[in-house]
Amino acid sequence: MNLTDLTLGTRPAGRTALSARWIVAHANGRHHLLRDGEIVIEGSEVLYVGERFPGEVARRIELGDMLVSPGFVDLDALSDLDTTLLTVDYGPGWATGRVWPRAYVERGPYEMYSPEELAFQKRFAFSQLLLNGITTALPIASLFYREWGETVAEFEAAAEAAGELGLRVYLGPAYRSGGIVCEAPDVLEPIFDEARGLRGLEDALAFAGRIAGRHQGLVQAMLAPDRVETSTLTLLKRTMAASAEMGLPVRLHMAQGKMERRIMAKLHGMTAPQWLARHDLLNDRLIAPHAVEAEPEDLELYAAHGVTIAHCPLVFARDGGILRSFRRCRDLGIRIGMGTDTAPPDMVLNMAVGLMTGRIAEGGVKGIATSEIFDAATISGADALGRPDLGRLQPGSKADIAIFDLSDPRFAPTVDPVQSLIFGATGRVTRAVFVDGRLSMRDGAVAGFDVEAGRHRAQAQFERMYAKYPERSWGHPRLEDMFPPTYPLLDIA
């Protein structure tokens, strides 16, 4: 049999054996490479990993020159249409709609997408994650084009999308107590509405209480205060207290940008990690993207309190930013998981960029080993969520599996399959994905979603939103002046 004999979107009945040239197997607390091995899944779990299974199976699928891997864990997974693309090659954020001008705030911010459009975006984004071998995701979206925060209604729709497409997710609508306003060119001021932020937290907690365990456990809850500079102390204290009581992970963006540093210095006279540490708000349930602006003292605080860094190298490398450094963080004992945070949500490409920038930061291969970046995308992300049953393939683990095609001639010659995958720098070779034992993606097709039609719909939505950027940008410049093309357009009239 082969993969095409399985029904997309379903969990095969009985035991299914997958034989492949290479399997990333987990044993004795670490990944190992298994050559010409077999993995057997039964129901939602891995039953066996090793040489040919001696027991009875309902079907045996010969994959050939493939790499069978744990599915990737994405701690900062894009779940909207990517507006970070409008920050690269263009002006500063205050001039290109990334910070609201005062005039826009006074007229009243509004939702730039309809509820139906927001629900579609989650489905579209989830399909893209599956296409790239990501099996567990913590969705992230921008609030720049929102009225204020995310809504429970769109996350109810997100939960249904995850269940239908077959993606493991941790969901929680983002909430905030404040925002940043542009008063004049490069003059940025925080504004706050703490009551509104606390209402957002209460909505998120009620949602978390309802959502956990839906779709046979695929859907779990998290808490997602938007960014540290838009959060008040009361909001974060209540968030962390609720996290401790309910056992929920918290994702809070901090140590990620120069604007944040300026605002935190103005408001609190210190960096964000130092401010949270002063108020006993750092802990091992906290996932903190991206640490590219972290001071040495900040990293030491992360290490002392068990904070996980969600490392998203691609989105920062586009602007010349890197984590300084992966090696320093690991030497301190900081757990580093991976995120994508941009389009394409390509974890393999992120691992490649993370490997290169990690070595650049330390002046050589001692900066990061290939195994370390792969561990970050699998084991470490799972451990950040307290899920030893994810991110590894061993008996008893969840059958969350990504299958990569190494038969492409561009991979020749191959010395090591994991090295070849990462050095190849593309997740486009993802052949199939199982989540919880269910075949969620095969050969570019996603269960319950028309990928090609979705691409066209996503582009049309983005263009409608993009056309509104001048009205929410300082000075209301023309769109063509805000985002000029790479080369002048050729006039052939």
Protein backbone atom coordinates (compact mmCIF):
# COMPACT_ATOMS: atom_id res chain seq x y z
CA MET A 1 0.00 0.00 0.00
CA ASN A 2 0.94 3.67 -0.23
CA LEU A 3 -0.33 6.92 1.27
CA THR A 4 -2.90 7.43 -1.47
CA ASP A 5 -4.72 4.33 -0.24
CA LEU A 6 -5.57 6.16 3.00
CA THR A 7 -8.61 8.43 3.22
CA LEU A 8 -7.63 12.05 3.79
CA GLY A 9 -9.12 13.51 6.93
CA THR A 10 -9.62 10.22 8.73
CA ARG A 11 -7.79 8.06 11.23
CA PRO A 12 -7.03 4.64 9.75
CA ALA A 13 -8.77 1.76 11.50
CA GLY A 14 -6.46 -0.75 13.09
CA ARG A 15 -2.69 -0.68 13.20
CA THR A 16 -0.88 1.16 10.41
CA ALA A 17 2.84 0.57 9.81
CA LEU A 18 4.87 3.24 8.01
CA SER A 19 8.20 2.00 6.64
CA ALA A 20 10.78 4.53 5.47
CA ARG A 21 14.44 5.02 4.69
CA TRP A 22 14.77 7.31 7.72
CA ILE A 23 12.83 7.84 10.95
CA VAL A 24 13.61 10.34 13.70
CA ALA A 25 12.95 8.01 16.63
CA HIS A 26 13.02 9.02 20.30
CA ALA A 27 14.72 6.85 22.89
CA ASN A 28 16.50 7.42 26.19
CA GLY A 29 15.45 11.07 26.32
CA ARG A 30 16.74 12.17 22.92
CA HIS A 31 16.20 11.86 19.18
CA HIS A 32 17.98 9.12 17.23
CA LEU A 33 18.13 8.37 13.53
CA LEU A 34 16.68 5.01 12.54
CA ARG A 35 17.61 3.76 9.07
CA ASP A 36 15.20 1.48 7.15
CA GLY A 37 12.88 1.36 10.12
CA GLU A 38 9.17 1.24 10.81
CA ILE A 39 6.72 3.18 12.94
CA VAL A 40 3.34 1.72 13.85
CA ILE A 41 0.42 3.92 14.82
CA GLU A 42 -2.78 2.71 16.40
CA GLY A 43 -5.62 5.11 17.02
CA SER A 44 -4.15 8.43 18.15
CA GLU A 45 -0.83 7.07 19.42
CA VAL A 46 2.47 5.62 18.35
CA LEU A 47 2.58 1.93 19.22
CA TYR A 48 6.06 1.00 18.01
CA VAL A 49 9.25 2.44 16.50
CA GLY A 50 12.08 0.18 15.39
CA GLU A 51 12.95 -2.45 12.85
CA ARG A 52 10.14 -4.27 11.07
CA PHE A 53 7.23 -4.68 13.51
CA PRO A 54 6.81 -8.35 14.46
CA GLY A 55 3.10 -8.11 15.24
CA GLU A 56 -0.04 -7.99 13.12
CA VAL A 57 -0.94 -4.78 11.28
CA ALA A 58 -4.00 -3.79 9.28
CA ARG A 59 -1.82 -2.21 6.58
CA ARG A 60 1.82 -1.58 5.82
CA ILE A 61 2.76 1.51 3.81
CA GLU A 62 6.15 1.58 2.14
CA LEU A 63 7.25 5.22 1.95
CA GLY A 64 10.65 4.70 0.36
CA ASP A 65 13.15 7.57 0.41
CA MET A 66 11.34 9.61 3.02
CA LEU A 67 12.14 11.10 6.41
CA VAL A 68 9.48 10.37 9.04
CA SER A 69 9.69 13.02 11.73
CA PRO A 70 7.79 14.26 14.75
CA GLY A 71 5.43 17.02 13.66
CA PHE A 72 6.72 20.50 14.44
CA VAL A 73 5.50 22.56 17.41
CA ASP A 74 4.96 26.21 16.46
CA LEU A 75 4.83 28.45 19.54
CA ASP A 76 4.06 31.62 17.54
CA ALA A 77 2.08 30.51 14.50
CA LEU A 78 0.69 33.07 12.07
CA SER A 79 -3.11 32.88 12.02
CA ASP A 80 -4.06 35.88 9.92
CA LEU A 81 -2.91 37.44 6.64
CA ASP A 82 0.68 38.51 7.09
CA THR A 83 1.13 42.25 7.66
CA THR A 84 4.79 41.85 8.61
CA LEU A 85 5.42 41.78 4.86
CA LEU A 86 4.55 45.49 4.94
CA THR A 87 7.37 46.23 7.38
CA VAL A 88 10.20 44.91 5.20
CA ASP A 89 11.88 47.32 2.72
CA TYR A 90 9.56 50.16 3.72
CA GLY A 91 9.54 53.01 6.21
CA PRO A 92 9.35 52.92 10.01
CA GLY A 93 6.25 51.50 11.65
CA TRP A 94 4.81 54.87 12.61
CA ALA A 95 4.82 55.91 8.92
CA THR A 96 3.40 52.69 7.49
CA GLY A 97 0.33 51.89 9.55
CA ARG A 98 2.01 49.81 12.26
CA VAL A 99 1.16 52.46 14.88
CA TRP A 100 -2.18 54.24 14.95
CA PRO A 101 -2.05 58.02 14.41
CA ARG A 102 -3.94 60.21 16.86
CA ALA A 103 -6.50 61.20 14.20
CA TYR A 104 -7.42 57.56 13.65
CA VAL A 105 -7.80 56.93 17.38
CA GLU A 106 -10.03 59.99 17.81
CA ARG A 107 -12.34 58.96 14.97
CA GLY A 108 -12.60 55.51 16.50
CA PRO A 109 -10.61 52.41 15.48
CA TYR A 110 -12.67 49.77 13.72
CA GLU A 111 -12.43 46.18 12.55
CA MET A 112 -10.91 46.00 9.09
CA TYR A 113 -12.16 42.44 8.57
CA SER A 114 -15.66 41.03 8.97
CA PRO A 115 -16.30 38.11 11.34
CA GLU A 116 -16.59 35.84 8.30
CA GLU A 117 -13.24 37.04 6.96
CA LEU A 118 -11.56 36.47 10.32
CA ALA A 119 -12.96 32.93 10.53
CA PHE A 120 -11.73 32.20 7.01
CA GLN A 121 -8.24 33.48 7.86
CA LYS A 122 -7.88 30.94 10.65
CA ARG A 123 -8.83 28.11 8.29
CA PHE A 124 -6.44 29.41 5.63
CA ALA A 125 -3.59 29.84 8.10
CA PHE A 126 -4.16 26.42 9.67
CA SER A 127 -3.99 24.80 6.25
CA GLN A 128 -0.65 26.51 5.59
CA LEU A 129 0.75 25.19 8.87
CA LEU A 130 -0.20 21.63 7.95
CA LEU A 131 1.35 22.02 4.51
CA ASN A 132 4.64 22.78 6.26
CA GLY A 133 4.71 19.86 8.68
CA ILE A 134 3.44 21.80 11.71
CA THR A 135 1.14 19.68 13.85
CA THR A 136 0.82 21.81 17.03
CA ALA A 137 0.28 25.56 16.86
CA LEU A 138 -0.23 28.52 19.16
CA PRO A 139 -1.89 31.06 16.82
CA ILE A 140 -0.76 34.68 16.71
CA ALA A 141 -2.36 37.58 14.84
CA SER A 142 -1.78 41.31 14.57
CA LEU A 143 -4.01 43.72 16.46
CA PHE A 144 -3.01 46.71 14.34
CA TYR A 145 -6.07 46.31 12.11
CA ARG A 146 -8.46 45.47 14.95
CA GLU A 147 -10.84 47.67 16.88
CA TRP A 148 -8.99 46.62 20.04
CA GLY A 149 -8.49 42.94 20.83
CA GLU A 150 -9.50 39.58 19.41
CA THR A 151 -12.99 38.23 20.01
CA VAL A 152 -14.24 35.02 21.51
CA ALA A 153 -16.46 34.46 18.46
CA GLU A 154 -13.51 34.24 16.07
CA PHE A 155 -11.76 31.79 18.39
CA GLU A 156 -14.85 29.63 18.61
CA ALA A 157 -14.59 29.50 14.83
CA ALA A 158 -10.86 28.77 15.11
CA ALA A 159 -11.57 25.80 17.37
CA GLU A 160 -13.99 24.38 14.82
CA ALA A 161 -11.50 24.98 12.00
CA ALA A 162 -8.78 23.12 13.89
CA GLY A 163 -11.10 20.21 14.53
CA GLU A 164 -12.24 20.00 10.92
CA LEU A 165 -8.77 20.35 9.38
CA GLY A 166 -7.05 18.19 11.98
CA LEU A 167 -4.54 20.54 13.63
CA ARG A 168 -3.55 20.50 17.29
CA VAL A 169 -3.94 24.03 18.70
CA TYR A 170 -3.68 26.06 21.88
CA LEU A 171 -6.20 28.88 21.59
CA GLY A 172 -6.89 32.12 23.42
CA PRO A 173 -8.10 35.50 22.13
CA ALA A 174 -5.46 38.21 22.52
CA TYR A 175 -6.37 41.01 24.93
CA ARG A 176 -4.67 44.24 25.93
CA SER A 177 -4.99 47.20 28.27
CA GLY A 178 -3.44 49.73 25.94
CA GLY A 179 -2.03 50.69 22.60
CA ILE A 180 0.57 52.96 21.06
CA VAL A 181 -0.40 56.22 19.35
CA CYS A 182 1.68 58.30 16.94
CA GLU A 183 1.37 61.96 18.01
CA ALA A 184 3.91 63.25 15.47
CA PRO A 185 6.62 61.70 13.30
CA ASP A 186 8.50 59.24 15.54
CA VAL A 187 6.70 60.56 18.64
CA LEU A 188 4.98 57.53 20.14
CA GLU A 189 2.83 57.57 23.26
CA PRO A 190 1.08 54.75 25.09
CA ILE A 191 -2.63 55.02 25.85
CA PHE A 192 -4.45 52.76 28.29
CA ASP A 193 -7.96 51.51 29.03
CA GLU A 194 -7.41 49.02 31.81
CA ALA A 195 -11.08 48.20 32.28
CA ARG A 196 -11.30 47.12 28.66
CA GLY A 197 -8.24 44.94 29.06
CA LEU A 198 -9.65 43.25 32.15
CA ARG A 199 -12.90 42.53 30.33
CA GLY A 200 -10.83 40.93 27.60
CA LEU A 201 -9.09 38.75 30.17
CA GLU A 202 -12.40 37.64 31.68
CA ASP A 203 -13.71 36.73 28.23
CA ALA A 204 -10.52 34.77 27.55
CA LEU A 205 -10.83 32.88 30.85
CA ALA A 206 -14.44 31.97 30.17
CA PHE A 207 -13.43 30.77 26.72
CA ALA A 208 -10.58 28.72 28.18
CA GLY A 209 -12.96 27.02 30.58
CA ARG A 210 -15.23 25.97 27.72
CA ILE A 211 -12.70 25.10 25.04
CA ALA A 212 -10.18 22.76 26.65
CA GLY A 213 -10.36 19.22 25.32
CA ARG A 214 -12.61 19.81 22.32
CA HIS A 215 -12.27 17.66 19.23
CA GLN A 216 -10.86 14.67 21.10
CA GLY A 217 -8.26 16.83 22.82
CA LEU A 218 -6.92 18.60 19.72
CA VAL A 219 -8.04 21.96 21.10
CA GLN A 220 -6.55 23.28 24.33
CA ALA A 221 -6.47 26.73 25.92
CA MET A 222 -3.80 29.32 26.55
CA LEU A 223 -3.73 32.95 27.68
CA ALA A 224 -2.45 35.58 25.26
CA PRO A 225 -1.94 39.12 26.59
CA ASP A 226 -0.91 40.93 23.42
CA ARG A 227 2.42 42.62 24.16
CA VAL A 228 4.13 43.72 27.32
CA GLU A 229 4.06 47.44 26.51
CA THR A 230 0.28 47.30 26.00
CA SER A 231 -0.33 45.49 29.30
CA THR A 232 -0.82 47.01 32.73
CA LEU A 233 0.55 45.45 35.89
CA THR A 234 -2.93 44.53 37.11
CA LEU A 235 -3.72 42.77 33.84
CA LEU A 236 -0.54 40.70 33.97
CA LYS A 237 -0.92 39.86 37.66
CA ARG A 238 -4.42 38.55 37.08
CA THR A 239 -3.27 36.70 33.97
CA MET A 240 -0.50 34.90 35.81
CA ALA A 241 -2.74 34.09 38.76
CA ALA A 242 -5.32 32.56 36.43
CA SER A 243 -2.56 30.69 34.60
CA ALA A 244 -1.37 29.13 37.85
CA GLU A 245 -4.89 28.22 38.94
CA MET A 246 -5.94 26.71 35.60
CA GLY A 247 -2.55 25.33 34.50
CA LEU A 248 -2.52 27.35 31.28
CA PRO A 249 0.50 28.47 29.26
CA VAL A 250 0.87 32.21 28.78
CA ARG A 251 2.44 33.76 25.71
CA LEU A 252 3.60 37.36 26.09
CA HIS A 253 5.70 39.16 23.48
CA MET A 254 8.59 41.03 25.07
CA ALA A 255 12.25 41.89 24.51
CA GLN A 256 11.28 41.93 20.86
CA GLY A 257 11.67 45.47 19.52
CA LYS A 258 13.09 48.95 19.93
CA MET A 259 9.68 50.60 20.24
CA GLU A 260 8.89 48.31 23.16
CA ARG A 261 12.19 49.19 24.85
CA ARG A 262 11.49 52.91 24.50
CA ILE A 263 7.98 52.59 25.92
CA MET A 264 9.03 50.33 28.80
CA ALA A 265 11.89 52.66 29.71
CA LYS A 266 9.49 55.61 29.73
CA LEU A 267 6.79 53.83 31.74
CA HIS A 268 8.87 51.74 34.14
CA GLY A 269 12.50 52.74 33.79
CA MET A 270 13.66 49.22 32.93
CA THR A 271 13.34 46.43 30.39
CA ALA A 272 10.23 44.27 30.21
CA PRO A 273 11.80 41.09 31.70
CA GLN A 274 13.23 43.13 34.56
CA TRP A 275 9.83 44.72 35.21
CA LEU A 276 8.06 41.36 35.26
CA ALA A 277 10.74 39.86 37.51
CA ARG A 278 10.37 42.73 39.98
CA HIS A 279 6.70 41.78 40.35
CA ASP A 280 7.26 37.99 40.45
CA LEU A 281 5.59 37.45 37.07
CA LEU A 282 8.24 35.32 35.37
CA ASN A 283 7.63 31.56 35.54
CA ASP A 284 7.93 28.31 33.63
CA ARG A 285 4.45 28.64 32.09
CA LEU A 286 5.55 31.78 30.25
CA ILE A 287 6.45 31.64 26.55
CA ALA A 288 8.19 34.85 25.47
CA PRO A 289 8.81 35.58 21.80
CA HIS A 290 11.47 36.74 20.58
CA ALA A 291 14.32 37.90 22.85
CA VAL A 292 16.20 39.68 20.04
CA GLU A 293 16.35 42.81 22.24
CA ALA A 294 17.08 40.98 25.49
CA GLU A 295 19.89 42.28 27.66
CA PRO A 296 22.26 39.82 29.37
CA GLU A 297 20.43 40.45 32.64
CA ASP A 298 17.11 39.68 30.92
CA LEU A 299 18.39 36.33 29.73
CA GLU A 300 19.65 35.50 33.20
CA LEU A 301 16.17 36.22 34.53
CA TYR A 302 14.64 33.94 31.92
CA ALA A 303 17.01 31.18 32.97
CA ALA A 304 16.34 31.66 36.67
CA HIS A 305 12.56 31.46 36.25
CA GLY A 306 12.20 28.83 33.53
CA VAL A 307 10.85 31.14 30.81
CA THR A 308 10.76 29.65 27.29
CA ILE A 309 11.91 31.73 24.32
CA ALA A 310 9.87 31.29 21.14
CA HIS A 311 12.58 31.76 18.51
CA CYS A 312 11.27 33.05 15.13
CA PRO A 313 14.44 33.71 13.14
CA LEU A 314 12.99 34.32 9.67
CA VAL A 315 10.75 37.28 10.47
CA PHE A 316 13.62 39.10 12.22
CA ALA A 317 16.39 38.14 9.81
CA ARG A 318 14.47 39.84 7.00
CA ASP A 319 15.13 43.13 8.81
CA GLY A 320 18.66 42.21 9.90
CA GLY A 321 17.78 41.13 13.43
CA ILE A 322 19.00 37.97 15.15
CA LEU A 323 18.91 36.29 18.55
CA ARG A 324 22.21 36.99 20.34
CA SER A 325 22.66 34.25 20.84
CA PHE A 326 21.21 30.77 20.71
CA ARG A 327 24.39 29.40 22.30
CA ARG A 328 24.37 31.92 25.15
CA CYS A 329 20.73 31.13 25.91
CA ARG A 330 21.31 27.40 25.88
CA ASP A 331 24.44 27.72 28.03
CA LEU A 332 22.33 29.59 30.56
CA GLY A 333 19.83 26.72 30.54
CA ILE A 334 17.03 28.60 28.78
CA ARG A 335 14.56 26.45 26.87
CA ILE A 336 14.22 27.60 23.25
CA GLY A 337 11.24 26.55 21.17
CA MET A 338 10.48 27.66 17.63
CA GLY A 339 7.83 29.78 15.95
CA THR A 340 7.14 30.94 12.40
CA ASP A 341 5.25 34.24 12.94
CA THR A 342 5.16 35.16 9.25
CA ALA A 343 4.34 33.94 5.76
CA PRO A 344 5.27 31.44 4.64
CA PRO A 345 4.89 29.55 7.93
CA ASP A 346 7.79 27.36 6.93
CA MET A 347 9.41 25.76 9.97
CA VAL A 348 12.14 24.14 7.89
CA LEU A 349 13.13 27.54 6.50
CA ASN A 350 13.07 28.97 10.02
CA MET A 351 15.36 26.21 11.21
CA ALA A 352 17.75 26.97 8.34
CA VAL A 353 17.78 30.70 9.10
CA GLY A 354 18.11 29.99 12.83
CA LEU A 355 21.04 27.70 12.20
CA MET A 356 22.84 30.27 10.04
CA THR A 357 22.18 33.30 12.25
CA GLY A 358 23.11 31.31 15.35
CA ARG A 359 26.46 30.49 13.82
CA ILE A 360 26.98 34.06 12.59
CA ALA A 361 26.33 35.36 16.10
CA GLU A 362 29.08 33.16 17.55
CA GLY A 363 31.44 33.15 14.60
CA GLY A 364 31.17 29.49 13.66
CA VAL A 365 29.47 26.14 14.07
CA LYS A 366 29.91 26.27 17.84
CA GLY A 367 27.02 28.76 17.82
CA ILE A 368 24.45 26.03 17.27
CA ALA A 369 24.34 22.39 16.24
CA THR A 370 21.92 21.12 13.61
CA SER A 371 20.45 18.79 16.22
CA GLU A 372 19.76 21.72 18.56
CA ILE A 373 17.64 23.64 16.07
CA PHE A 374 15.68 20.48 15.23
CA ASP A 375 15.18 19.80 18.95
CA ALA A 376 13.87 23.35 19.35
CA ALA A 377 11.20 22.75 16.70
CA THR A 378 10.09 19.48 18.27
CA ILE A 379 11.08 18.51 21.82
CA SER A 380 11.49 22.00 23.32
CA GLY A 381 8.21 23.35 21.99
CA ALA A 382 6.40 20.34 23.37
CA ASP A 383 8.12 20.67 26.74
CA ALA A 384 7.15 24.35 26.93
CA LEU A 385 3.54 23.17 26.82
CA GLY A 386 4.13 20.44 29.39
CA ARG A 387 3.48 17.80 26.72
CA PRO A 388 6.01 14.94 26.82
CA ASP A 389 3.68 13.09 24.44
CA LEU A 390 4.38 15.59 21.64
CA GLY A 391 7.50 16.44 19.65
CA ARG A 392 8.93 12.92 19.70
CA LEU A 393 8.14 9.55 18.15
CA GLN A 394 8.20 6.77 20.71
CA PRO A 395 5.67 4.26 22.06
CA GLY A 396 2.90 6.14 23.86
CA SER A 397 3.49 9.48 22.17
CA LYS A 398 0.77 11.11 20.09
CA ALA A 399 0.82 10.14 16.44
CA ASP A 400 1.71 13.66 15.28
CA ILE A 401 3.93 12.93 12.29
CA ALA A 402 5.42 14.86 9.39
CA ILE A 403 6.75 12.99 6.36
CA PHE A 404 9.35 14.70 4.16
CA ASP A 405 10.27 13.60 0.64
CA LEU A 406 14.03 13.24 0.32
CA SER A 407 13.87 11.77 -3.18
CA ASP A 408 14.01 15.23 -4.77
CA PRO A 409 17.30 15.41 -6.73
CA ARG A 410 18.03 18.78 -5.12
CA PHE A 411 18.81 16.86 -1.93
CA ALA A 412 21.58 14.85 -3.61
CA PRO A 413 24.05 14.05 -2.27
CA THR A 414 22.73 13.32 1.22
CA VAL A 415 25.04 12.69 4.14
CA ASP A 416 22.44 12.99 6.91
CA PRO A 417 18.65 13.30 6.38
CA VAL A 418 18.00 15.93 9.05
CA GLN A 419 20.94 17.99 7.82
CA SER A 420 19.69 17.65 4.23
CA LEU A 421 16.20 18.77 5.22
CA ILE A 422 17.39 21.86 7.09
CA PHE A 423 20.12 22.79 4.62
CA GLY A 424 17.53 22.47 1.87
CA ALA A 425 15.65 25.26 3.66
CA THR A 426 12.11 24.51 2.54
CA GLY A 427 9.09 22.79 3.99
CA ARG A 428 7.66 22.39 0.50
CA VAL A 429 8.92 18.81 0.53
CA THR A 430 6.36 17.94 3.23
CA ARG A 431 4.59 14.95 1.71
CA ALA A 432 2.07 14.12 4.43
CA VAL A 433 1.06 14.99 7.98
CA PHE A 434 -0.73 12.92 10.61
CA VAL A 435 -2.17 14.64 13.68
CA ASP A 436 -3.47 12.50 16.52
CA GLY A 437 -3.29 9.57 14.12
CA ARG A 438 -5.44 11.31 11.51
CA LEU A 439 -4.15 11.96 7.99
CA SER A 440 -4.60 15.75 7.85
CA MET A 441 -2.49 16.58 4.78
CA ARG A 442 -1.25 14.59 1.80
CA ASP A 443 0.45 15.78 -1.39
CA GLY A 444 -0.58 19.40 -0.89
CA ALA A 445 -4.23 18.62 -0.13
CA VAL A 446 -5.64 19.49 3.30
CA ALA A 447 -8.67 17.74 4.73
CA GLY A 448 -11.72 20.00 4.63
CA PHE A 449 -10.10 22.93 2.83
CA ASP A 450 -9.63 23.93 -0.81
CA VAL A 451 -6.08 25.26 -0.74
CA GLU A 452 -6.10 26.86 -4.20
CA ALA A 453 -9.45 28.61 -3.76
CA GLY A 454 -8.30 29.71 -0.31
CA ARG A 455 -5.20 31.35 -1.77
CA HIS A 456 -7.28 33.53 -4.10
CA ARG A 457 -9.72 34.45 -1.35
CA ALA A 458 -6.87 35.35 1.01
CA GLN A 459 -5.26 37.59 -1.61
CA ALA A 460 -8.53 39.43 -2.23
CA GLN A 461 -9.04 40.00 1.51
CA PHE A 462 -5.52 41.26 1.95
CA GLU A 463 -5.84 43.74 -0.91
CA ARG A 464 -9.03 45.20 0.56
CA MET A 465 -7.33 45.65 3.94
CA TYR A 466 -4.14 46.95 2.34
CA ALA A 467 -6.08 49.69 0.53
CA LYS A 468 -7.18 51.09 3.93
CA TYR A 469 -3.65 51.60 5.23
CA PRO A 470 -3.40 55.33 4.37
CA GLU A 471 -6.33 56.25 6.61
CA ARG A 472 -4.68 54.68 9.65
CA SER A 473 -1.14 55.96 8.96
CA TRP A 474 0.46 59.24 10.03
CA GLY A 475 -0.16 62.01 7.48
CA HIS A 476 -2.35 59.69 5.35
CA PRO A 477 0.21 59.22 2.56
CA ARG A 478 -0.63 57.62 -0.76
CA LEU A 479 -0.42 53.85 -0.82
CA GLU A 480 2.19 53.87 -3.60
CA ASP A 481 4.37 56.20 -1.52
CA MET A 482 4.07 54.00 1.57
CA PHE A 483 4.89 50.77 -0.22
CA PRO A 484 6.82 51.47 -3.43
CA PRO A 485 7.61 48.48 -5.67
CA THR A 486 11.06 46.89 -5.75
CA TYR A 487 11.60 48.46 -9.20
CA PRO A 488 9.60 51.24 -10.85
CA LEU A 489 6.60 49.93 -12.76
CA LEU A 490 7.14 49.94 -16.49
CA ASP A 491 4.73 52.19 -18.34
CA ILE A 492 3.94 50.44 -21.62
CA ALA A 493 1.06 52.71 -22.62
